[in-house]
Amino acid sequence: MSKQRIAGRYAKSLLDLASESNLLDVIKEDVAYLNEVCKLHDVVLMLQSPIINPGKKEQIITALFDGKVNKMTFAFLHIMLTKGRESLLPNIASEFLNQYKKLKGISTVTLTTATPASAEMIEQIRKHFENSSFTKNTVEILTQTKSDLLGGFTIEFEDKLYDASIKHQLDQLRKQFGGNPYVKSI
């Protein structure tokens, strides 16, 4: 079975347990914290390492999460360690957050600009997407800056991409002028 599928099942189990216990929002915050910790390269290497014994991994997980997360989340982390599934924790965390957003009807829109976007621009985009039929009622906007866009912006949501960057427009012009029909090729 694939890692993503296994992670999806563990995430679903945690989501259902949290929902039944009326701790869904608390557990979501804990998993968001876990997701941020799992973005650290050293933590991922530790979780995936077969050389580090499980006792040492448990000490590290305890130091990172004990007292900082709910007891249910900590018990879940302990279960993952005892089952030998600690290498799946980054996948489980991201899958949990995806399932939570789907359950709560939250759409994620990623706005990438060449320079930092203003608060007004972000709010206009949020209102536009909340009123559109493309997204769900609640819209979460993530912002990024990439200087290689040169100007303009890109918007990504639900496997769709709207590219209004200067880089994209220049690439289109290059393609258009690349094949000059007036120059006879020999």
C-alpha atoms as a PDB file:
ATOM      1  CA  MET A   1       0.000   0.000   0.000  1.00  0.00           C
ATOM      2  CA  SER A   2       1.304   3.484  -0.834  1.00  0.00           C
ATOM      3  CA  LYS A   3       2.489   5.913   1.832  1.00  0.00           C
ATOM      4  CA  GLN A   4      -0.143   8.460   0.839  1.00  0.00           C
ATOM      5  CA  ARG A   5      -2.947   5.951   1.194  1.00  0.00           C
ATOM      6  CA  ILE A   6      -1.728   4.769   4.602  1.00  0.00           C
ATOM      7  CA  ALA A   7      -1.288   8.382   5.745  1.00  0.00           C
ATOM      8  CA  GLY A   8      -4.810   9.158   4.544  1.00  0.00           C
ATOM      9  CA  ARG A   9      -6.244   6.349   6.653  1.00  0.00           C
ATOM     10  CA  TYR A  10      -4.394   7.409   9.800  1.00  0.00           C
ATOM     11  CA  ALA A  11      -5.411  11.030   9.204  1.00  0.00           C
ATOM     12  CA  LYS A  12      -9.044  10.000   8.738  1.00  0.00           C
ATOM     13  CA  SER A  13      -8.932   7.995  11.967  1.00  0.00           C
ATOM     14  CA  LEU A  14      -7.527  10.936  13.922  1.00  0.00           C
ATOM     15  CA  LEU A  15     -10.049  13.298  12.298  1.00  0.00           C
ATOM     16  CA  ASP A  16     -12.958  11.028  13.215  1.00  0.00           C
ATOM     17  CA  LEU A  17     -11.712  10.559  16.784  1.00  0.00           C
ATOM     18  CA  ALA A  18     -11.227  14.301  17.235  1.00  0.00           C
ATOM     19  CA  SER A  19     -14.682  15.001  15.809  1.00  0.00           C
ATOM     20  CA  GLU A  20     -16.346  12.454  18.109  1.00  0.00           C
ATOM     21  CA  SER A  21     -14.539  13.942  21.116  1.00  0.00           C
ATOM     22  CA  ASN A  22     -15.503  17.530  20.166  1.00  0.00           C
ATOM     23  CA  LEU A  23     -11.811  18.432  19.950  1.00  0.00           C
ATOM     24  CA  LEU A  24     -11.589  18.913  16.207  1.00  0.00           C
ATOM     25  CA  ASP A  25     -10.290  22.487  16.257  1.00  0.00           C
ATOM     26  CA  VAL A  26      -7.836  21.763  19.085  1.00  0.00           C
ATOM     27  CA  ILE A  27      -6.436  18.704  17.312  1.00  0.00           C
ATOM     28  CA  LYS A  28      -6.254  20.687  14.060  1.00  0.00           C
ATOM     29  CA  GLU A  29      -4.025  23.260  15.766  1.00  0.00           C
ATOM     30  CA  ASP A  30      -1.860  20.466  17.172  1.00  0.00           C
ATOM     31  CA  VAL A  31      -1.512  18.854  13.759  1.00  0.00           C
ATOM     32  CA  ALA A  32      -0.686  22.239  12.216  1.00  0.00           C
ATOM     33  CA  TYR A  33       2.119  22.514  14.793  1.00  0.00           C
ATOM     34  CA  LEU A  34       3.239  18.972  13.917  1.00  0.00           C
ATOM     35  CA  ASN A  35       3.206  19.925  10.239  1.00  0.00           C
ATOM     36  CA  GLU A  36       5.451  22.934  10.935  1.00  0.00           C
ATOM     37  CA  VAL A  37       7.860  20.799  12.968  1.00  0.00           C
ATOM     38  CA  CYS A  38       7.929  18.217  10.162  1.00  0.00           C
ATOM     39  CA  LYS A  39       9.091  20.913   7.736  1.00  0.00           C
ATOM     40  CA  LEU A  40      12.428  20.941   9.540  1.00  0.00           C
ATOM     41  CA  HIS A  41      14.843  18.794   7.551  1.00  0.00           C
ATOM     42  CA  ASP A  42      16.576  17.367  10.638  1.00  0.00           C
ATOM     43  CA  VAL A  43      13.278  16.201  12.129  1.00  0.00           C
ATOM     44  CA  VAL A  44      12.300  14.418   8.909  1.00  0.00           C
ATOM     45  CA  LEU A  45      15.703  12.718   8.747  1.00  0.00           C
ATOM     46  CA  MET A  46      15.340  11.603  12.372  1.00  0.00           C
ATOM     47  CA  LEU A  47      11.862  10.187  11.753  1.00  0.00           C
ATOM     48  CA  GLN A  48      12.970   8.270   8.667  1.00  0.00           C
ATOM     49  CA  SER A  49      16.283   7.018  10.049  1.00  0.00           C
ATOM     50  CA  PRO A  50      16.470   3.273  10.737  1.00  0.00           C
ATOM     51  CA  ILE A  51      19.697   3.833  12.688  1.00  0.00           C
ATOM     52  CA  ILE A  52      18.123   5.888  15.475  1.00  0.00           C
ATOM     53  CA  ASN A  53      16.489   3.488  17.905  1.00  0.00           C
ATOM     54  CA  PRO A  54      12.797   3.895  18.772  1.00  0.00           C
ATOM     55  CA  GLY A  55      13.573   4.830  22.393  1.00  0.00           C
ATOM     56  CA  LYS A  56      15.661   7.809  21.285  1.00  0.00           C
ATOM     57  CA  LYS A  57      12.951   8.856  18.796  1.00  0.00           C
ATOM     58  CA  GLU A  58      10.388   8.713  21.589  1.00  0.00           C
ATOM     59  CA  GLN A  59      12.573  10.940  23.777  1.00  0.00           C
ATOM     60  CA  ILE A  60      12.867  13.475  20.944  1.00  0.00           C
ATOM     61  CA  ILE A  61       9.116  13.418  20.204  1.00  0.00           C
ATOM     62  CA  THR A  62       8.384  13.813  23.925  1.00  0.00           C
ATOM     63  CA  ALA A  63      10.740  16.799  24.143  1.00  0.00           C
ATOM     64  CA  LEU A  64       9.124  18.396  21.089  1.00  0.00           C
ATOM     65  CA  PHE A  65       5.444  17.805  21.879  1.00  0.00           C
ATOM     66  CA  ASP A  66       4.830  16.919  25.555  1.00  0.00           C
ATOM     67  CA  GLY A  67       2.863  19.726  27.169  1.00  0.00           C
ATOM     68  CA  LYS A  68       2.536  21.602  23.869  1.00  0.00           C
ATOM     69  CA  VAL A  69      -0.233  19.492  22.329  1.00  0.00           C
ATOM     70  CA  ASN A  70      -3.444  17.897  23.527  1.00  0.00           C
ATOM     71  CA  LYS A  71      -3.232  14.506  25.279  1.00  0.00           C
ATOM     72  CA  MET A  72      -5.063  12.863  22.385  1.00  0.00           C
ATOM     73  CA  THR A  73      -2.539  14.173  19.864  1.00  0.00           C
ATOM     74  CA  PHE A  74       0.351  13.096  22.069  1.00  0.00           C
ATOM     75  CA  ALA A  75      -1.180   9.617  22.444  1.00  0.00           C
ATOM     76  CA  PHE A  76      -1.554   9.433  18.653  1.00  0.00           C
ATOM     77  CA  LEU A  77       2.135  10.323  18.225  1.00  0.00           C
ATOM     78  CA  HIS A  78       3.054   7.634  20.749  1.00  0.00           C
ATOM     79  CA  ILE A  79       0.976   5.065  18.838  1.00  0.00           C
ATOM     80  CA  MET A  80       2.739   6.003  15.605  1.00  0.00           C
ATOM     81  CA  LEU A  81       6.096   5.428  17.315  1.00  0.00           C
ATOM     82  CA  THR A  82       5.136   2.051  18.794  1.00  0.00           C
ATOM     83  CA  LYS A  83       3.735   0.886  15.443  1.00  0.00           C
ATOM     84  CA  GLY A  84       6.905   1.975  13.623  1.00  0.00           C
ATOM     85  CA  ARG A  85       4.971   4.487  11.504  1.00  0.00           C
ATOM     86  CA  GLU A  86       6.850   7.618  12.611  1.00  0.00           C
ATOM     87  CA  SER A  87       8.244   8.132   9.099  1.00  0.00           C
ATOM     88  CA  LEU A  88       4.667   8.778   7.944  1.00  0.00           C
ATOM     89  CA  LEU A  89       4.046  11.658  10.372  1.00  0.00           C
ATOM     90  CA  PRO A  90       4.747  14.429   7.796  1.00  0.00           C
ATOM     91  CA  ASN A  91       2.365  12.775   5.317  1.00  0.00           C
ATOM     92  CA  ILE A  92      -0.272  12.180   8.011  1.00  0.00           C
ATOM     93  CA  ALA A  93      -0.100  15.807   9.158  1.00  0.00           C
ATOM     94  CA  SER A  94      -0.554  17.255   5.674  1.00  0.00           C
ATOM     95  CA  GLU A  95      -3.303  14.749   4.830  1.00  0.00           C
ATOM     96  CA  PHE A  96      -5.119  15.561   8.090  1.00  0.00           C
ATOM     97  CA  LEU A  97      -5.066  19.268   7.249  1.00  0.00           C
ATOM     98  CA  ASN A  98      -6.403  18.545   3.739  1.00  0.00           C
ATOM     99  CA  GLN A  99      -9.233  16.401   5.119  1.00  0.00           C
ATOM    100  CA  TYR A 100     -10.023  19.039   7.762  1.00  0.00           C
ATOM    101  CA  LYS A 101     -10.322  21.723   5.067  1.00  0.00           C
ATOM    102  CA  LYS A 102     -12.583  19.477   3.006  1.00  0.00           C
ATOM    103  CA  LEU A 103     -14.761  18.736   6.052  1.00  0.00           C
ATOM    104  CA  LYS A 104     -15.042  22.429   7.008  1.00  0.00           C
ATOM    105  CA  GLY A 105     -15.524  23.634   3.396  1.00  0.00           C
ATOM    106  CA  ILE A 106     -12.326  25.675   3.219  1.00  0.00           C
ATOM    107  CA  SER A 107     -10.701  26.396  -0.147  1.00  0.00           C
ATOM    108  CA  THR A 108      -7.028  27.301  -0.306  1.00  0.00           C
ATOM    109  CA  VAL A 109      -5.915  29.925  -2.812  1.00  0.00           C
ATOM    110  CA  THR A 110      -2.195  30.544  -3.313  1.00  0.00           C
ATOM    111  CA  LEU A 111      -1.259  34.041  -4.439  1.00  0.00           C
ATOM    112  CA  THR A 112       2.283  34.439  -5.761  1.00  0.00           C
ATOM    113  CA  THR A 113       3.576  37.941  -6.498  1.00  0.00           C
ATOM    114  CA  ALA A 114       6.916  39.484  -7.425  1.00  0.00           C
ATOM    115  CA  THR A 115       6.770  41.832  -4.431  1.00  0.00           C
ATOM    116  CA  PRO A 116       4.827  41.391  -1.174  1.00  0.00           C
ATOM    117  CA  ALA A 117       1.081  41.797  -1.716  1.00  0.00           C
ATOM    118  CA  SER A 118      -0.793  44.527   0.131  1.00  0.00           C
ATOM    119  CA  ALA A 119      -3.517  43.705   2.633  1.00  0.00           C
ATOM    120  CA  GLU A 120      -6.085  45.430   0.364  1.00  0.00           C
ATOM    121  CA  MET A 121      -5.145  43.240  -2.595  1.00  0.00           C
ATOM    122  CA  ILE A 122      -5.364  40.068  -0.510  1.00  0.00           C
ATOM    123  CA  GLU A 123      -8.766  41.079   0.841  1.00  0.00           C
ATOM    124  CA  GLN A 124     -10.084  41.887  -2.667  1.00  0.00           C
ATOM    125  CA  ILE A 125      -8.953  38.485  -3.916  1.00  0.00           C
ATOM    126  CA  ARG A 126     -10.532  36.774  -0.892  1.00  0.00           C
ATOM    127  CA  LYS A 127     -13.883  38.532  -1.489  1.00  0.00           C
ATOM    128  CA  HIS A 128     -13.756  37.708  -5.198  1.00  0.00           C
ATOM    129  CA  PHE A 129     -13.212  34.005  -4.531  1.00  0.00           C
ATOM    130  CA  GLU A 130     -15.777  33.840  -1.711  1.00  0.00           C
ATOM    131  CA  ASN A 131     -18.396  35.223  -4.113  1.00  0.00           C
ATOM    132  CA  SER A 132     -17.386  32.978  -7.016  1.00  0.00           C
ATOM    133  CA  SER A 133     -18.625  29.503  -7.815  1.00  0.00           C
ATOM    134  CA  PHE A 134     -15.055  28.214  -8.175  1.00  0.00           C
ATOM    135  CA  THR A 135     -14.396  27.869  -4.448  1.00  0.00           C
ATOM    136  CA  LYS A 136     -16.233  26.988  -1.281  1.00  0.00           C
ATOM    137  CA  ASN A 137     -17.666  29.613   1.064  1.00  0.00           C
ATOM    138  CA  THR A 138     -14.543  29.997   3.192  1.00  0.00           C
ATOM    139  CA  VAL A 139     -11.327  30.954   1.445  1.00  0.00           C
ATOM    140  CA  GLU A 140      -7.851  30.719   2.914  1.00  0.00           C
ATOM    141  CA  ILE A 141      -5.231  32.760   1.061  1.00  0.00           C
ATOM    142  CA  LEU A 142      -1.571  31.794   1.192  1.00  0.00           C
ATOM    143  CA  THR A 143       0.874  34.368  -0.130  1.00  0.00           C
ATOM    144  CA  GLN A 144       4.306  33.854  -1.643  1.00  0.00           C
ATOM    145  CA  THR A 145       6.820  36.131  -3.305  1.00  0.00           C
ATOM    146  CA  LYS A 146       8.989  35.080  -6.236  1.00  0.00           C
ATOM    147  CA  SER A 147      11.139  37.743  -7.798  1.00  0.00           C
ATOM    148  CA  ASP A 148      11.508  35.758 -11.038  1.00  0.00           C
ATOM    149  CA  LEU A 149       7.892  36.678 -11.946  1.00  0.00           C
ATOM    150  CA  LEU A 150       9.212  40.195 -12.709  1.00  0.00           C
ATOM    151  CA  GLY A 151       5.770  41.652 -11.995  1.00  0.00           C
ATOM    152  CA  GLY A 152       2.123  40.689 -11.913  1.00  0.00           C
ATOM    153  CA  PHE A 153       0.866  37.631 -10.029  1.00  0.00           C
ATOM    154  CA  THR A 154      -0.224  34.009 -10.249  1.00  0.00           C
ATOM    155  CA  ILE A 155      -3.195  32.450  -8.486  1.00  0.00           C
ATOM    156  CA  GLU A 156      -3.491  28.713  -7.849  1.00  0.00           C
ATOM    157  CA  PHE A 157      -6.592  26.968  -6.518  1.00  0.00           C
ATOM    158  CA  GLU A 158      -8.062  23.488  -6.876  1.00  0.00           C
ATOM    159  CA  ASP A 159      -5.698  22.370  -9.680  1.00  0.00           C
ATOM    160  CA  LYS A 160      -6.243  25.591 -11.607  1.00  0.00           C
ATOM    161  CA  LEU A 161      -3.646  28.248 -12.385  1.00  0.00           C
ATOM    162  CA  TYR A 162      -4.222  31.829 -13.468  1.00  0.00           C
ATOM    163  CA  ASP A 163      -0.916  33.334 -14.591  1.00  0.00           C
ATOM    164  CA  ALA A 164      -0.910  37.122 -15.017  1.00  0.00           C
ATOM    165  CA  SER A 165       2.825  37.524 -14.509  1.00  0.00           C
ATOM    166  CA  ILE A 166       5.125  39.518 -16.754  1.00  0.00           C
ATOM    167  CA  LYS A 167       7.393  36.473 -17.042  1.00  0.00           C
ATOM    168  CA  HIS A 168       4.514  34.459 -18.517  1.00  0.00           C
ATOM    169  CA  GLN A 169       3.624  37.244 -20.955  1.00  0.00           C
ATOM    170  CA  LEU A 170       7.252  37.500 -22.099  1.00  0.00           C
ATOM    171  CA  ASP A 171       7.387  33.722 -22.596  1.00  0.00           C
ATOM    172  CA  GLN A 172       4.215  33.929 -24.708  1.00  0.00           C
ATOM    173  CA  LEU A 173       5.747  36.684 -26.837  1.00  0.00           C
ATOM    174  CA  ARG A 174       8.938  34.635 -27.285  1.00  0.00           C
ATOM    175  CA  LYS A 175       6.879  31.700 -28.547  1.00  0.00           C
ATOM    176  CA  GLN A 176       4.870  33.941 -30.843  1.00  0.00           C
ATOM    177  CA  PHE A 177       7.927  35.582 -32.398  1.00  0.00           C
ATOM    178  CA  GLY A 178       9.986  32.383 -32.364  1.00  0.00           C
ATOM    179  CA  GLY A 179       8.402  31.076 -35.539  1.00  0.00           C
ATOM    180  CA  ASN A 180       8.557  34.021 -37.930  1.00  0.00           C
ATOM    181  CA  PRO A 181       6.381  33.142 -40.965  1.00  0.00           C
ATOM    182  CA  TYR A 182       8.038  35.856 -43.068  1.00  0.00           C
ATOM    183  CA  VAL A 183      11.509  34.318 -42.947  1.00  0.00           C
ATOM    184  CA  LYS A 184      11.746  31.416 -45.345  1.00  0.00           C
ATOM    185  CA  SER A 185      13.547  28.530 -43.777  1.00  0.00           C
ATOM    186  CA  ILE A 186      16.132  26.830 -45.971  1.00  0.00           C
END
